[in-house]
């Protein structure tokens, strides 16, 4: 991606005459400087210039951790700030959403992370500057969030996808060893590393409040999604939208390492997972139990361990999305 200086002509062509619903109002942008392997910090000056070109009064706040971001966001809300943006990945927006849930605020995200699946579901481009422009010209929409409660009693909201099994193990590598690999390849590499020593889970899915029977099997992973993709574009729930008021539960039954490797070329090219071993449900709630305590991740962040209770929260927050 080109980070060189833009010419004056390019800037004028790019931004001139473009209205923003945020023009003249106060905005706070919470930046995760480590997002995208440090890309976020590099893009801050460019995004600041973009906001100035739209005559948007923006204050940029650096937050080195989710806890720091949430504390800063709550303080901003107490100081009557009403437009709060996250500049980072899905985990950065997750922190902002948890801080702002229940408050009368408008949120947004400028994607500079490794996955950016929630931003993609909002129709935002993957390029941070183009996404920033789409946010500045965007329209407010109410979107769903997912609430998860872990065995430790921790409650957390997330926007995209979460699960147990191979993907949770891969999430640990994606945020550590392979954090500098861009996009979907980061998650593919992480999954391959996790696969090396992985054993299938004994898992039981229950669906409280519905007539669906419990489902028990050995599984590679089980996920609960709000967005159609996670892991930088892996399309586990292709019919999902952020506004459909349902939880998309996906289970991949036990596959051999050879079977997983056969699926990889299509996953790398298109993000599609085509196998009869995928099971899907659309529900309001799911309880996920495993044979032994197992880590659960949400938007790539490790939240806690199973058993897990998960439910959709319809119209949970108002977010700036790309104009449709």
Protein backbone atom coordinates (compact mmCIF):
# COMPACT_ATOMS: atom_id res chain seq x y z
CA UNK A 1 0.00 0.00 0.00
CA UNK A 2 1.39 3.40 -0.99
CA UNK A 3 2.19 5.60 2.00
CA UNK A 4 4.04 8.22 -0.02
CA UNK A 5 2.89 11.87 -0.06
CA UNK A 6 -0.09 12.74 -2.22
CA UNK A 7 0.16 15.61 -4.67
CA UNK A 8 -1.98 18.72 -4.23
CA UNK A 9 -3.90 17.80 -7.38
CA UNK A 10 -4.63 14.31 -6.03
CA UNK A 11 -5.92 15.75 -2.77
CA UNK A 12 -8.17 18.25 -4.52
CA UNK A 13 -9.55 15.56 -6.80
CA UNK A 14 -10.11 13.22 -3.89
CA UNK A 15 -11.80 15.46 -1.35
CA UNK A 16 -13.02 18.69 -2.95
CA UNK A 17 -16.73 19.36 -2.70
CA UNK A 18 -17.44 16.22 -0.67
CA UNK A 19 -19.99 16.95 2.10
CA UNK A 20 -19.91 15.21 5.47
CA UNK A 21 -22.66 14.86 8.05
CA UNK A 22 -19.91 15.40 10.63
CA UNK A 23 -18.75 18.78 9.26
CA UNK A 24 -18.57 21.36 12.01
CA UNK A 25 -19.19 18.91 14.85
CA UNK A 26 -16.85 17.48 17.48
CA UNK A 27 -15.52 13.94 16.92
CA UNK A 28 -13.20 11.80 19.04
CA UNK A 29 -11.12 9.15 17.24
CA UNK A 30 -9.64 6.43 19.46
CA UNK A 31 -6.55 4.97 17.81
CA UNK A 32 -5.03 1.57 18.52
CA UNK A 33 -1.49 2.36 17.34
CA UNK A 34 -0.51 -1.31 17.20
CA UNK A 35 -3.42 -2.36 14.97
CA UNK A 36 -2.47 -3.96 11.68
CA UNK A 37 1.06 -4.62 12.88
CA UNK A 38 1.57 -0.89 13.52
CA UNK A 39 -0.12 0.39 10.34
CA UNK A 40 -2.59 2.44 12.36
CA UNK A 41 0.11 4.76 13.69
CA UNK A 42 1.42 5.35 10.16
CA UNK A 43 -2.01 6.36 8.88
CA UNK A 44 -2.89 8.83 11.63
CA UNK A 45 -1.40 11.94 9.92
CA UNK A 46 -3.19 11.09 6.66
CA UNK A 47 -6.52 10.56 8.39
CA UNK A 48 -6.10 13.81 10.34
CA UNK A 49 -5.63 15.69 7.05
CA UNK A 50 -8.67 13.93 5.62
CA UNK A 51 -10.84 15.07 8.51
CA UNK A 52 -9.57 18.66 8.20
CA UNK A 53 -10.41 18.64 4.48
CA UNK A 54 -14.02 17.82 5.44
CA UNK A 55 -14.00 20.56 8.11
CA UNK A 56 -14.53 17.99 10.85
CA UNK A 57 -13.19 18.89 14.31
CA UNK A 58 -11.53 15.64 15.37
CA UNK A 59 -9.49 14.86 18.46
CA UNK A 60 -7.26 11.77 18.10
CA UNK A 61 -6.64 9.75 21.27
CA UNK A 62 -4.00 7.01 21.37
CA UNK A 63 -4.97 3.92 23.39
CA UNK A 64 -2.41 1.17 23.88
CA UNK A 65 -4.91 -1.38 25.23
CA UNK A 66 -8.63 -2.20 25.19
CA UNK A 67 -8.92 -1.19 28.85
CA UNK A 68 -7.28 2.17 28.14
CA UNK A 69 -9.57 2.78 25.18
CA UNK A 70 -12.72 1.89 27.12
CA UNK A 71 -11.75 4.18 29.98
CA UNK A 72 -11.02 7.06 27.59
CA UNK A 73 -14.29 6.49 25.71
CA UNK A 74 -16.34 6.50 28.92
CA UNK A 75 -14.67 9.73 29.97
CA UNK A 76 -15.46 11.28 26.59
CA UNK A 77 -19.12 10.28 26.92
CA UNK A 78 -19.25 11.79 30.42
CA UNK A 79 -17.89 14.99 28.85
CA UNK A 80 -20.87 14.94 26.43
CA UNK A 81 -18.96 13.80 23.36
CA UNK A 82 -21.50 12.11 21.10
CA UNK A 83 -19.55 10.96 18.03
CA UNK A 84 -16.87 8.37 18.77
CA UNK A 85 -14.79 6.53 16.18
CA UNK A 86 -12.37 3.61 16.49
CA UNK A 87 -9.27 3.52 14.30
CA UNK A 88 -7.96 -0.02 14.35
CA UNK A 89 -9.33 -3.52 13.80
CA UNK A 90 -12.41 -5.41 14.90
CA UNK A 91 -11.03 -5.71 18.42
CA UNK A 92 -10.61 -1.93 18.63
CA UNK A 93 -14.24 -1.38 17.67
CA UNK A 94 -15.25 -4.07 20.17
CA UNK A 95 -13.63 -2.06 22.96
CA UNK A 96 -15.41 1.12 21.84
CA UNK A 97 -18.78 -0.65 21.58
CA UNK A 98 -18.46 -2.05 25.10
CA UNK A 99 -17.68 1.40 26.48
CA UNK A 100 -20.51 3.10 24.59
CA UNK A 101 -23.31 0.53 24.82
CA UNK A 102 -26.42 2.10 26.32
CA UNK A 103 -25.29 5.68 25.71
CA UNK A 104 -26.84 8.07 23.19
CA UNK A 105 -23.85 8.18 20.86
CA UNK A 106 -22.95 7.62 17.22
CA UNK A 107 -20.05 5.24 16.58
CA UNK A 108 -17.82 4.46 13.64
CA UNK A 109 -14.74 2.54 12.63
CA UNK A 110 -11.81 3.31 10.33
CA UNK A 111 -10.37 -0.15 9.55
CA UNK A 112 -6.61 -0.49 9.95
CA UNK A 113 -6.51 -3.95 11.56
CA UNK A 114 -5.69 -7.42 10.40
CA UNK A 115 -9.26 -8.65 9.87
CA UNK A 116 -11.70 -5.73 9.54
CA UNK A 117 -14.72 -7.99 9.03
CA UNK A 118 -17.12 -5.75 10.95
CA UNK A 119 -16.05 -2.76 8.85
CA UNK A 120 -16.53 -4.81 5.67
CA UNK A 121 -20.06 -5.69 6.79
CA UNK A 122 -20.72 -1.93 7.08
CA UNK A 123 -19.73 -1.61 3.41
CA UNK A 124 -16.47 0.20 4.16
CA UNK A 125 -13.47 -0.20 1.82
CA UNK A 126 -10.35 -1.96 3.10
CA UNK A 127 -8.13 1.04 2.33
CA UNK A 128 -8.09 3.20 5.50
CA UNK A 129 -8.30 6.54 3.68
CA UNK A 130 -11.14 5.44 1.42
CA UNK A 131 -12.87 3.95 4.46
CA UNK A 132 -12.38 7.21 6.35
CA UNK A 133 -13.98 9.12 3.51
CA UNK A 134 -16.88 6.64 3.42
CA UNK A 135 -17.38 7.16 7.18
CA UNK A 136 -17.30 10.94 6.83
CA UNK A 137 -19.93 10.74 4.08
CA UNK A 138 -21.74 7.82 5.71
CA UNK A 139 -25.21 7.26 7.03
CA UNK A 140 -26.13 6.26 10.59
CA UNK A 141 -27.56 2.76 10.96
CA UNK A 142 -28.62 0.73 13.95
CA UNK A 143 -26.78 -2.60 13.99
CA UNK A 144 -26.89 -5.72 16.12
CA UNK A 145 -24.19 -6.81 18.53
CA UNK A 146 -23.55 -10.17 20.19
CA UNK A 147 -23.36 -10.63 23.96
CA UNK A 148 -21.26 -13.46 25.36
CA UNK A 149 -21.00 -14.69 28.95
CA UNK A 150 -18.08 -16.96 29.82
CA UNK A 151 -17.68 -19.62 32.49
CA UNK A 152 -15.71 -17.08 34.54
CA UNK A 153 -18.77 -14.80 34.61
CA UNK A 154 -17.29 -12.23 32.22
CA UNK A 155 -19.82 -10.52 29.94
CA UNK A 156 -18.66 -8.95 26.69
CA UNK A 157 -20.17 -7.52 23.50
CA UNK A 158 -18.70 -8.13 20.07
CA UNK A 159 -19.56 -7.06 16.55
CA UNK A 160 -18.31 -9.71 14.12
CA UNK A 161 -17.63 -13.32 14.98
CA UNK A 162 -16.42 -15.46 17.82
CA UNK A 163 -15.97 -19.11 18.62
CA UNK A 164 -14.15 -22.03 20.17
CA UNK A 165 -11.85 -24.64 18.70
CA UNK A 166 -9.27 -24.24 15.98
CA UNK A 167 -10.18 -20.60 15.33
CA UNK A 168 -9.66 -19.59 18.97
CA UNK A 169 -6.25 -21.27 18.94
CA UNK A 170 -5.49 -19.52 15.65
CA UNK A 171 -6.55 -16.18 17.16
CA UNK A 172 -3.74 -16.50 19.72
CA UNK A 173 -1.17 -16.88 16.95
CA UNK A 174 -2.76 -14.14 14.82
CA UNK A 175 -2.37 -11.61 17.63
CA UNK A 176 1.13 -12.84 18.47
CA UNK A 177 3.56 -14.75 16.28
CA UNK A 178 1.87 -13.86 12.95
CA UNK A 179 0.56 -10.37 13.76
CA UNK A 180 2.65 -8.71 11.02
CA UNK A 181 1.28 -10.87 8.17
CA UNK A 182 -1.39 -8.86 6.30
CA UNK A 183 -5.04 -9.75 5.77
CA UNK A 184 -6.45 -13.23 5.31
CA UNK A 185 -3.01 -14.88 5.01
CA UNK A 186 -2.39 -13.96 8.64
CA UNK A 187 -5.35 -16.07 9.73
CA UNK A 188 -4.60 -18.91 7.33
CA UNK A 189 -1.02 -19.10 8.61
CA UNK A 190 -2.28 -18.96 12.19
CA UNK A 191 -4.81 -21.73 11.55
CA UNK A 192 -2.12 -23.95 10.00
CA UNK A 193 0.12 -23.41 13.00
CA UNK A 194 -2.74 -24.19 15.38
CA UNK A 195 -3.69 -27.26 13.34
CA UNK A 196 -0.28 -28.86 13.89
CA UNK A 197 -1.10 -29.96 17.43
CA UNK A 198 -4.86 -29.62 17.45
CA UNK A 199 -7.30 -32.25 18.74
CA UNK A 200 -11.04 -32.11 17.90
CA UNK A 201 -13.49 -30.88 20.53
CA UNK A 202 -16.34 -32.80 22.09
CA UNK A 203 -18.98 -30.13 21.81
CA UNK A 204 -22.68 -29.65 22.58
CA UNK A 205 -24.83 -26.83 21.21
CA UNK A 206 -28.11 -25.96 22.92
CA UNK A 207 -30.57 -23.33 21.71
CA UNK A 208 -32.54 -21.83 24.63
CA UNK A 209 -35.92 -20.37 23.74
CA UNK A 210 -36.28 -22.41 20.55
CA UNK A 211 -37.64 -25.82 19.60
CA UNK A 212 -34.32 -26.91 18.15
CA UNK A 213 -32.85 -30.04 19.75
CA UNK A 214 -29.32 -30.03 21.18
CA UNK A 215 -26.56 -31.01 18.79
CA UNK A 216 -23.54 -33.02 19.97
CA UNK A 217 -20.52 -34.01 17.94
CA UNK A 218 -16.75 -33.85 17.61
CA UNK A 219 -15.88 -30.54 15.97
CA UNK A 220 -13.03 -28.60 14.47
CA UNK A 221 -14.65 -25.37 15.63
CA UNK A 222 -17.98 -23.77 16.55
CA UNK A 223 -18.67 -20.09 15.93
CA UNK A 224 -21.39 -17.51 16.54
CA UNK A 225 -21.41 -14.71 13.98
CA UNK A 226 -23.11 -11.36 13.53
CA UNK A 227 -21.26 -10.54 10.28
CA UNK A 228 -21.03 -12.74 7.19
CA UNK A 229 -17.26 -13.17 7.55
CA UNK A 230 -14.52 -13.34 10.12
CA UNK A 231 -10.81 -14.03 10.06
CA UNK A 232 -10.25 -11.41 7.32
CA UNK A 233 -12.95 -12.54 4.92
CA UNK A 234 -13.64 -16.21 5.66
CA UNK A 235 -17.31 -16.53 4.70
CA UNK A 236 -18.68 -18.78 7.43
CA UNK A 237 -22.12 -17.10 7.50
CA UNK A 238 -22.69 -15.76 3.97
CA UNK A 239 -26.36 -14.89 4.63
CA UNK A 240 -25.69 -12.84 7.76
CA UNK A 241 -26.18 -9.08 7.98
CA UNK A 242 -25.58 -6.73 10.89
CA UNK A 243 -29.29 -5.88 11.00
CA UNK A 244 -31.11 -9.21 10.74
CA UNK A 245 -31.67 -9.63 14.48
CA UNK A 246 -30.35 -13.19 14.54
CA UNK A 247 -27.27 -15.08 15.60
CA UNK A 248 -25.62 -17.21 12.93
CA UNK A 249 -24.19 -20.34 14.54
CA UNK A 250 -21.73 -22.35 12.46
CA UNK A 251 -20.12 -25.67 13.34
CA UNK A 252 -17.44 -27.45 11.35
CA UNK A 253 -17.38 -31.13 12.20
CA UNK A 254 -14.12 -32.96 12.76
CA UNK A 255 -11.92 -32.94 9.66
CA UNK A 256 -8.60 -34.65 9.16
CA UNK A 257 -5.55 -32.50 8.57
CA UNK A 258 -5.55 -33.71 4.94
CA UNK A 259 -9.17 -32.58 4.49
CA UNK A 260 -8.36 -29.16 5.96
CA UNK A 261 -5.42 -28.75 3.60
CA UNK A 262 -7.64 -29.59 0.62
CA UNK A 263 -9.96 -26.73 1.58
CA UNK A 264 -7.18 -24.17 1.84
CA UNK A 265 -6.81 -23.12 -1.84
CA UNK A 266 -10.45 -22.01 -2.05
CA UNK A 267 -10.24 -20.35 1.37
CA UNK A 268 -7.20 -18.36 0.30
CA UNK A 269 -8.74 -17.33 -3.05
CA UNK A 270 -12.31 -16.50 -2.08
CA UNK A 271 -12.84 -17.07 1.63
CA UNK A 272 -15.47 -19.71 0.86
CA UNK A 273 -15.71 -22.93 2.83
CA UNK A 274 -17.54 -25.63 0.85
CA UNK A 275 -17.92 -28.93 2.64
CA UNK A 276 -20.84 -31.05 3.79
CA UNK A 277 -19.26 -31.04 7.26
CA UNK A 278 -20.47 -27.49 7.93
CA UNK A 279 -23.68 -27.13 9.98
CA UNK A 280 -25.54 -23.84 10.35
CA UNK A 281 -28.37 -22.47 12.53
CA UNK A 282 -30.07 -19.06 12.83
CA UNK A 283 -31.18 -18.46 16.42
CA UNK A 284 -31.49 -15.84 19.15
CA UNK A 285 -29.35 -17.68 21.70
CA UNK A 286 -26.91 -20.56 21.93
CA UNK A 287 -25.22 -22.30 24.83
CA UNK A 288 -21.92 -23.87 23.91
CA UNK A 289 -20.43 -26.61 26.11
CA UNK A 290 -17.20 -28.51 25.51
CA UNK A 291 -15.76 -31.69 26.98
CA UNK A 292 -13.13 -29.65 28.80
CA UNK A 293 -12.78 -25.89 29.35
CA UNK A 294 -11.87 -24.31 26.02
CA UNK A 295 -10.91 -20.74 25.11
CA UNK A 296 -13.48 -18.54 23.35
CA UNK A 297 -12.44 -15.65 21.13
CA UNK A 298 -14.54 -12.73 19.92
CA UNK A 299 -13.29 -10.63 17.00
CA UNK A 300 -9.89 -12.25 17.51
CA UNK A 301 -9.70 -11.30 21.21
CA UNK A 302 -9.61 -14.11 23.81
CA UNK A 303 -12.59 -13.46 26.12
CA UNK A 304 -12.70 -16.45 28.47
CA UNK A 305 -13.50 -20.15 28.46
CA UNK A 306 -16.43 -22.50 27.97
CA UNK A 307 -19.19 -23.18 28.78
CA UNK A 308 -20.33 -20.07 26.92
CA UNK A 309 -23.76 -18.41 26.65
CA UNK A 310 -24.26 -16.22 23.60
CA UNK A 311 -27.18 -14.08 22.41
CA UNK A 312 -27.87 -11.42 19.81
CA UNK A 313 -28.72 -7.86 20.90
CA UNK A 314 -30.79 -6.35 18.05
CA UNK A 315 -30.26 -2.67 17.19
CA UNK A 316 -27.67 -2.40 19.93
CA UNK A 317 -25.70 0.63 18.69
CA UNK A 318 -25.87 3.30 16.00
CA UNK A 319 -22.92 3.23 13.60
CA UNK A 320 -21.79 5.22 10.56
CA UNK A 321 -21.96 2.90 7.56
CA UNK A 322 -21.24 3.38 3.88
CA UNK A 323 -24.10 4.92 1.92
CA UNK A 324 -26.06 2.18 0.16
